[in-house]
Amino acid sequence: MSAQIDPSLDAPARVAVRLLEADHISLGRAAELAGTDVRGMLDAMGYDLVPVVIDTESEDSAA
């Protein structure tokens, strides 16, 4: 994983991203160290998150 780190991040967040990229810590732990949540961590790493809606009520989704 090689992300473009947001230059406006503070030092703990930059360190968390680097540790995550090196597979030394999990995404959840990196977010905790950076003082954010997983969504915030992915956003800081430059990933565009797209919401996905799963329709569990539709008959088509049962197949």
C-alpha atoms as a PDB file:
ATOM      1  CA  MET A   1       0.000   0.000   0.000  1.00  0.00           C
ATOM      2  CA  SER A   2       1.496   3.308  -0.997  1.00  0.00           C
ATOM      3  CA  ALA A   3      -0.639   6.317  -0.228  1.00  0.00           C
ATOM      4  CA  GLN A   4      -0.181  10.017  -0.724  1.00  0.00           C
ATOM      5  CA  ILE A   5      -0.098  11.398   2.798  1.00  0.00           C
ATOM      6  CA  ASP A   6      -1.977  14.630   3.375  1.00  0.00           C
ATOM      7  CA  PRO A   7       0.774  17.187   4.158  1.00  0.00           C
ATOM      8  CA  SER A   8      -1.498  18.981   6.616  1.00  0.00           C
ATOM      9  CA  LEU A   9      -1.504  15.976   8.981  1.00  0.00           C
ATOM     10  CA  ASP A  10       0.153  16.359  12.341  1.00  0.00           C
ATOM     11  CA  ALA A  11       3.205  14.273  13.252  1.00  0.00           C
ATOM     12  CA  PRO A  12       1.344  11.437  15.059  1.00  0.00           C
ATOM     13  CA  ALA A  13      -0.934  10.962  12.053  1.00  0.00           C
ATOM     14  CA  ARG A  14       2.002  10.885   9.618  1.00  0.00           C
ATOM     15  CA  VAL A  15       3.780   8.306  11.782  1.00  0.00           C
ATOM     16  CA  ALA A  16       0.595   6.216  11.981  1.00  0.00           C
ATOM     17  CA  VAL A  17       0.290   6.240   8.179  1.00  0.00           C
ATOM     18  CA  ARG A  18       3.912   5.147   7.771  1.00  0.00           C
ATOM     19  CA  LEU A  19       3.496   2.313  10.302  1.00  0.00           C
ATOM     20  CA  LEU A  20       0.332   1.206   8.547  1.00  0.00           C
ATOM     21  CA  GLU A  21       2.030   1.254   5.141  1.00  0.00           C
ATOM     22  CA  ALA A  22       4.837  -0.914   6.521  1.00  0.00           C
ATOM     23  CA  ASP A  23       2.275  -3.429   7.873  1.00  0.00           C
ATOM     24  CA  HIS A  24       3.450  -2.899  11.448  1.00  0.00           C
ATOM     25  CA  ILE A  25      -0.005  -1.993  12.763  1.00  0.00           C
ATOM     26  CA  SER A  26      -3.638  -2.450  11.779  1.00  0.00           C
ATOM     27  CA  LEU A  27      -5.814   0.219  10.218  1.00  0.00           C
ATOM     28  CA  GLY A  28      -7.820   0.495  13.437  1.00  0.00           C
ATOM     29  CA  ARG A  29      -4.697   0.974  15.547  1.00  0.00           C
ATOM     30  CA  ALA A  30      -3.288   3.532  13.096  1.00  0.00           C
ATOM     31  CA  ALA A  31      -6.535   5.493  13.316  1.00  0.00           C
ATOM     32  CA  GLU A  32      -6.378   5.368  17.116  1.00  0.00           C
ATOM     33  CA  LEU A  33      -2.796   6.685  17.120  1.00  0.00           C
ATOM     34  CA  ALA A  34      -3.738   9.424  14.674  1.00  0.00           C
ATOM     35  CA  GLY A  35      -6.677  10.471  16.827  1.00  0.00           C
ATOM     36  CA  THR A  36      -9.321   9.708  14.213  1.00  0.00           C
ATOM     37  CA  ASP A  37     -11.529   6.867  13.050  1.00  0.00           C
ATOM     38  CA  VAL A  38     -10.948   4.425  10.200  1.00  0.00           C
ATOM     39  CA  ARG A  39     -12.833   6.641   7.741  1.00  0.00           C
ATOM     40  CA  GLY A  40     -10.704   9.624   8.770  1.00  0.00           C
ATOM     41  CA  MET A  41      -7.544   7.580   8.411  1.00  0.00           C
ATOM     42  CA  LEU A  42      -8.432   6.448   4.895  1.00  0.00           C
ATOM     43  CA  ASP A  43      -9.367  10.009   3.972  1.00  0.00           C
ATOM     44  CA  ALA A  44      -6.023  11.260   5.309  1.00  0.00           C
ATOM     45  CA  MET A  45      -4.274   8.670   3.157  1.00  0.00           C
ATOM     46  CA  GLY A  46      -6.004   9.994   0.056  1.00  0.00           C
ATOM     47  CA  TYR A  47      -8.552   7.243  -0.520  1.00  0.00           C
ATOM     48  CA  ASP A  48     -11.952   8.269  -1.866  1.00  0.00           C
ATOM     49  CA  LEU A  49     -14.663   6.404  -0.013  1.00  0.00           C
ATOM     50  CA  VAL A  50     -17.862   5.611  -1.856  1.00  0.00           C
ATOM     51  CA  PRO A  51     -20.901   4.695   0.223  1.00  0.00           C
ATOM     52  CA  VAL A  52     -22.408   1.334  -0.644  1.00  0.00           C
ATOM     53  CA  VAL A  53     -26.000   0.433   0.120  1.00  0.00           C
ATOM     54  CA  ILE A  54     -26.841  -3.247   0.400  1.00  0.00           C
ATOM     55  CA  ASP A  55     -30.507  -4.041  -0.105  1.00  0.00           C
ATOM     56  CA  THR A  56     -31.253  -7.006   2.143  1.00  0.00           C
ATOM     57  CA  GLU A  57     -35.003  -6.761   1.616  1.00  0.00           C
ATOM     58  CA  SER A  58     -35.067  -7.217  -2.148  1.00  0.00           C
ATOM     59  CA  GLU A  59     -35.946 -10.613  -3.610  1.00  0.00           C
ATOM     60  CA  ASP A  60     -33.172 -10.148  -6.169  1.00  0.00           C
ATOM     61  CA  SER A  61     -30.514  -9.996  -3.456  1.00  0.00           C
ATOM     62  CA  ALA A  62     -31.588 -13.383  -2.043  1.00  0.00           C
ATOM     63  CA  ALA A  63     -30.267 -15.256  -5.075  1.00  0.00           C
END
